[in-house]
Amino acid sequence: MVRISINSAKRLLKSLNLTKSYDKKGKAVLKKSSGKKDKNNTLKTSETLKHKGKNVFTIGLLAVILFGQTSLYAVYGVVVKATDGDTIALRSGGKKVVCRVAYIDTPEKRKNRKYKRDISRCAYLAREEMVKAGKLATEYAKKQLPRGSKIKFFTVDKDRYGRAICKIYTPKGELYNYKAVADGYAVPYYRYITNRHKRTRFDSTVTRAKREKLGLWKVTPRAMECLLNDRKRDEL
């Protein structure tokens, strides 16, 4: 298994004279100012990168690490607990892994620092409504990812608290990151969705959930509106 942090990946790109870009379809690609290129100046995936005279990565391998996940292969774990709607504790390889679900955010069920920050931006929202939404989001996570179930996950990064940031699949094989938004229990965390294609998909998904009043959009719509506006504001 290969793991690399985002900062390490950025340093590696710089040392190899590579830049991250996107093609017309929103797909992430690597570009180089010199070397073997196609007509769009995009490096071919079969190329081998040389660093200080040594072959280090093929373009395809580096692209997977940078744009897909920091674990090249799926890791399996057993759900220990859904702490809240976007934090899942797992046991994998004999170790406990606390996963912050990538790309999404759910209401807080406790009056912690994040709760206070979110609620301060929404004067119209009753404080208990946000807590209620957070508890319902937690119950949703527990149903989708039952304790003791075996699930597949990828680690895409680490957050400032040392938690793994993960793409998580339900026991049925559905990507929880998208499903939680589609079912109306989470909103996209736009600040961390840099891929345009992925961003468009999340945006259309949350728009549909809101329009159809799914999940929390029916029960606590003001809390969800508050959270969605906050996550959009965060990226400015």
Protein backbone atom coordinates (compact mmCIF):
# COMPACT_ATOMS: atom_id res chain seq x y z
CA MET A 1 0.00 0.00 0.00
CA VAL A 2 1.28 3.48 -0.89
CA ARG A 3 0.38 6.48 1.24
CA ILE A 4 1.35 10.08 0.63
CA SER A 5 0.11 13.30 2.21
CA ILE A 6 -1.23 16.17 0.15
CA ASN A 7 1.72 18.39 1.12
CA SER A 8 4.19 15.66 0.15
CA ALA A 9 2.38 15.24 -3.15
CA LYS A 10 2.61 18.97 -3.86
CA ARG A 11 6.35 18.97 -3.12
CA LEU A 12 6.79 15.98 -5.41
CA LEU A 13 4.90 17.72 -8.21
CA LYS A 14 7.08 20.80 -7.84
CA SER A 15 10.33 18.80 -7.88
CA LEU A 16 9.20 16.99 -11.04
CA ASN A 17 8.14 20.22 -12.75
CA LEU A 18 4.52 19.06 -12.94
CA THR A 19 1.29 20.96 -12.46
CA LYS A 20 -2.21 19.74 -11.68
CA SER A 21 -4.83 20.76 -14.19
CA TYR A 22 -8.19 19.69 -15.60
CA ASP A 23 -9.27 18.78 -19.11
CA LYS A 24 -12.47 20.01 -20.78
CA LYS A 25 -14.47 17.22 -19.14
CA GLY A 26 -13.30 18.23 -15.66
CA LYS A 27 -10.97 15.24 -15.35
CA ALA A 28 -7.76 15.83 -13.39
CA VAL A 29 -4.56 15.58 -15.43
CA LEU A 30 -0.85 16.24 -14.97
CA LYS A 31 1.02 18.66 -17.23
CA LYS A 32 4.70 19.37 -17.70
CA SER A 33 6.49 22.25 -19.36
CA SER A 34 8.91 19.95 -21.15
CA GLY A 35 9.21 16.29 -22.01
CA LYS A 36 7.06 13.88 -23.96
CA LYS A 37 3.61 15.33 -24.46
CA ASP A 38 0.45 14.84 -26.41
CA LYS A 39 -1.20 17.62 -28.43
CA ASN A 40 -2.73 19.13 -25.30
CA ASN A 41 0.60 19.20 -23.46
CA THR A 42 -0.74 16.51 -21.13
CA LEU A 43 1.65 13.74 -20.11
CA LYS A 44 0.70 10.24 -21.15
CA THR A 45 -0.23 7.86 -18.35
CA SER A 46 2.37 5.27 -19.39
CA GLU A 47 5.30 7.64 -18.94
CA THR A 48 7.81 7.11 -16.15
CA LEU A 49 8.89 10.08 -14.06
CA LYS A 50 12.55 10.48 -13.20
CA HIS A 51 13.69 12.25 -10.09
CA LYS A 52 17.43 12.69 -9.48
CA GLY A 53 18.14 10.09 -12.12
CA LYS A 54 15.81 7.47 -10.67
CA ASN A 55 12.47 6.19 -11.89
CA VAL A 56 10.00 7.07 -9.16
CA PHE A 57 6.43 6.93 -10.48
CA THR A 58 4.55 6.40 -13.67
CA ILE A 59 2.29 9.30 -14.47
CA GLY A 60 -0.71 7.05 -13.98
CA LEU A 61 0.42 5.97 -10.51
CA LEU A 62 1.09 9.53 -9.39
CA ALA A 63 -2.26 10.68 -10.77
CA VAL A 64 -4.07 8.00 -8.76
CA ILE A 65 -2.28 9.09 -5.59
CA LEU A 66 -2.97 12.79 -6.15
CA PHE A 67 -6.45 12.72 -7.60
CA GLY A 68 -7.97 9.49 -6.40
CA GLN A 69 -6.93 8.29 -2.98
CA THR A 70 -3.78 8.08 -0.88
CA SER A 71 -4.34 4.35 -0.47
CA LEU A 72 -3.95 2.77 -3.89
CA TYR A 73 -6.10 -0.17 -2.88
CA ALA A 74 -9.33 -0.44 -0.99
CA VAL A 75 -8.95 -1.20 2.70
CA TYR A 76 -11.58 -3.17 4.59
CA GLY A 77 -12.62 -2.43 8.11
CA VAL A 78 -15.31 -3.18 10.67
CA VAL A 79 -17.54 -0.36 11.85
CA VAL A 80 -17.05 0.37 15.55
CA LYS A 81 -19.33 3.40 15.81
CA ALA A 82 -20.86 6.23 13.83
CA THR A 83 -19.85 9.13 16.07
CA ASP A 84 -21.96 11.51 14.01
CA GLY A 85 -23.15 11.86 10.44
CA ASP A 86 -19.69 12.49 9.01
CA THR A 87 -17.34 10.75 11.47
CA ILE A 88 -17.05 6.96 11.54
CA ALA A 89 -14.82 4.89 13.82
CA LEU A 90 -13.50 1.67 12.25
CA ARG A 91 -11.19 -1.17 13.13
CA SER A 92 -8.86 -2.17 10.33
CA GLY A 93 -5.67 -4.20 10.41
CA GLY A 94 -5.90 -4.52 14.17
CA LYS A 95 -5.97 -0.74 14.63
CA LYS A 96 -8.68 1.80 15.29
CA VAL A 97 -9.21 4.26 12.45
CA VAL A 98 -11.29 7.39 12.93
CA CYS A 99 -12.60 8.44 9.51
CA ARG A 100 -13.85 11.92 8.72
CA VAL A 101 -16.08 11.34 5.69
CA ALA A 102 -14.58 13.23 2.74
CA TYR A 103 -16.33 16.01 0.79
CA ILE A 104 -19.41 16.36 3.03
CA ASP A 105 -20.60 18.01 6.22
CA THR A 106 -23.50 17.19 8.53
CA PRO A 107 -25.11 19.18 11.35
CA GLU A 108 -23.52 18.97 14.77
CA LYS A 109 -25.37 17.02 17.45
CA ARG A 110 -23.42 18.64 20.29
CA LYS A 111 -22.88 22.27 21.18
CA ASN A 112 -19.17 22.24 20.38
CA ARG A 113 -16.92 24.85 18.75
CA LYS A 114 -18.04 24.00 15.21
CA TYR A 115 -21.68 24.11 16.26
CA LYS A 116 -21.20 27.59 17.70
CA ARG A 117 -19.46 28.77 14.53
CA ASP A 118 -22.18 27.37 12.28
CA ILE A 119 -25.07 28.68 14.37
CA SER A 120 -23.54 32.17 14.71
CA ARG A 121 -23.99 32.70 10.98
CA CYS A 122 -27.70 31.89 11.05
CA ALA A 123 -29.52 34.27 13.40
CA TYR A 124 -32.90 32.98 12.19
CA LEU A 125 -32.18 29.40 13.31
CA ALA A 126 -33.21 28.05 16.71
CA ARG A 127 -30.22 26.43 18.39
CA GLU A 128 -32.10 23.25 19.24
CA GLU A 129 -33.02 22.76 15.59
CA MET A 130 -29.36 22.32 14.61
CA VAL A 131 -28.83 19.81 17.44
CA LYS A 132 -31.95 17.90 16.38
CA ALA A 133 -30.66 17.76 12.79
CA GLY A 134 -27.28 16.53 14.04
CA LYS A 135 -28.85 13.71 16.04
CA LEU A 136 -30.95 12.63 13.06
CA ALA A 137 -27.88 12.67 10.80
CA THR A 138 -26.09 10.46 13.33
CA GLU A 139 -28.98 7.99 13.36
CA TYR A 140 -28.90 7.92 9.57
CA ALA A 141 -25.18 7.10 9.60
CA LYS A 142 -25.77 4.29 12.10
CA LYS A 143 -28.39 2.75 9.81
CA GLN A 144 -26.24 3.02 6.71
CA LEU A 145 -23.08 1.84 8.46
CA PRO A 146 -24.25 -0.54 11.23
CA ARG A 147 -21.91 -1.39 14.05
CA GLY A 148 -20.03 -4.61 13.31
CA SER A 149 -20.55 -4.43 9.54
CA LYS A 150 -17.60 -4.96 7.22
CA ILE A 151 -17.10 -2.06 4.83
CA LYS A 152 -14.63 -0.85 2.20
CA PHE A 153 -12.91 2.51 2.48
CA PHE A 154 -10.12 4.63 0.99
CA THR A 155 -8.06 7.17 2.90
CA VAL A 156 -7.64 10.33 0.81
CA ASP A 157 -5.83 12.53 3.35
CA LYS A 158 -5.43 13.40 7.03
CA ASP A 159 -7.07 16.36 8.75
CA ARG A 160 -5.50 18.69 11.31
CA TYR A 161 -6.80 16.51 14.15
CA GLY A 162 -5.03 13.43 12.79
CA ARG A 163 -8.21 11.77 11.56
CA ALA A 164 -8.20 9.92 8.27
CA ILE A 165 -10.30 11.61 5.60
CA CYS A 166 -12.11 8.78 3.86
CA LYS A 167 -14.27 7.64 1.02
CA ILE A 168 -16.54 5.05 2.65
CA TYR A 169 -18.79 2.43 1.11
CA THR A 170 -21.85 0.99 2.80
CA PRO A 171 -22.18 -2.80 3.24
CA LYS A 172 -24.34 -2.69 0.07
CA GLY A 173 -21.48 -1.14 -1.87
CA GLU A 174 -22.91 2.40 -2.11
CA LEU A 175 -20.55 5.36 -1.68
CA TYR A 176 -21.69 6.90 1.61
CA ASN A 177 -20.11 10.27 0.74
CA TYR A 178 -22.63 10.77 -2.07
CA LYS A 179 -25.50 8.81 -0.58
CA ALA A 180 -25.69 10.97 2.56
CA VAL A 181 -26.10 14.06 0.37
CA ALA A 182 -28.54 12.33 -2.01
CA ASP A 183 -30.74 11.20 0.89
CA GLY A 184 -30.77 14.68 2.42
CA TYR A 185 -28.61 14.15 5.51
CA ALA A 186 -25.45 16.00 4.46
CA VAL A 187 -24.32 18.92 2.32
CA PRO A 188 -21.22 19.20 0.12
CA TYR A 189 -18.13 20.67 1.77
CA TYR A 190 -17.26 22.78 -1.27
CA ARG A 191 -13.94 23.98 0.08
CA TYR A 192 -12.52 20.48 -0.24
CA ILE A 193 -14.09 19.52 -3.57
CA THR A 194 -11.56 20.77 -6.12
CA ASN A 195 -12.43 18.48 -9.01
CA ARG A 196 -14.98 20.22 -11.23
CA HIS A 197 -16.74 17.04 -12.33
CA LYS A 198 -17.08 15.87 -8.72
CA ARG A 199 -18.21 19.31 -7.64
CA THR A 200 -20.91 19.40 -10.33
CA ARG A 201 -22.17 15.99 -9.26
CA PHE A 202 -22.36 16.99 -5.59
CA ASP A 203 -24.04 20.27 -6.47
CA SER A 204 -26.76 18.64 -8.55
CA THR A 205 -27.23 15.98 -5.87
CA VAL A 206 -27.82 18.44 -3.03
CA THR A 207 -30.06 20.58 -5.26
CA ARG A 208 -32.27 17.57 -6.00
CA ALA A 209 -32.43 16.51 -2.34
CA LYS A 210 -33.44 20.05 -1.35
CA ARG A 211 -36.04 20.34 -4.12
CA GLU A 212 -37.60 16.99 -3.27
CA LYS A 213 -37.43 17.68 0.48
CA LEU A 214 -35.57 14.51 1.28
CA GLY A 215 -34.29 13.58 4.73
CA LEU A 216 -33.40 16.62 6.83
CA TRP A 217 -34.55 18.95 4.07
CA LYS A 218 -38.09 17.98 5.12
CA VAL A 219 -37.62 17.72 8.89
CA THR A 220 -35.14 20.54 9.63
CA PRO A 221 -34.86 22.54 6.39
CA ARG A 222 -33.57 25.72 8.05
CA ALA A 223 -30.68 23.85 9.67
CA MET A 224 -29.72 22.34 6.31
CA GLU A 225 -30.02 25.70 4.54
CA CYS A 226 -27.81 27.25 7.20
CA LEU A 227 -25.19 24.53 6.84
CA LEU A 228 -25.24 24.63 3.04
CA ASN A 229 -24.79 28.40 2.99
CA ASP A 230 -21.96 28.13 5.51
CA ARG A 231 -20.10 25.56 3.41
CA LYS A 232 -20.48 27.72 0.32
CA ARG A 233 -19.28 30.77 2.25
CA ASP A 234 -16.25 28.89 3.60
CA GLU A 235 -14.68 28.64 0.16
CA LEU A 236 -14.78 32.40 -0.50
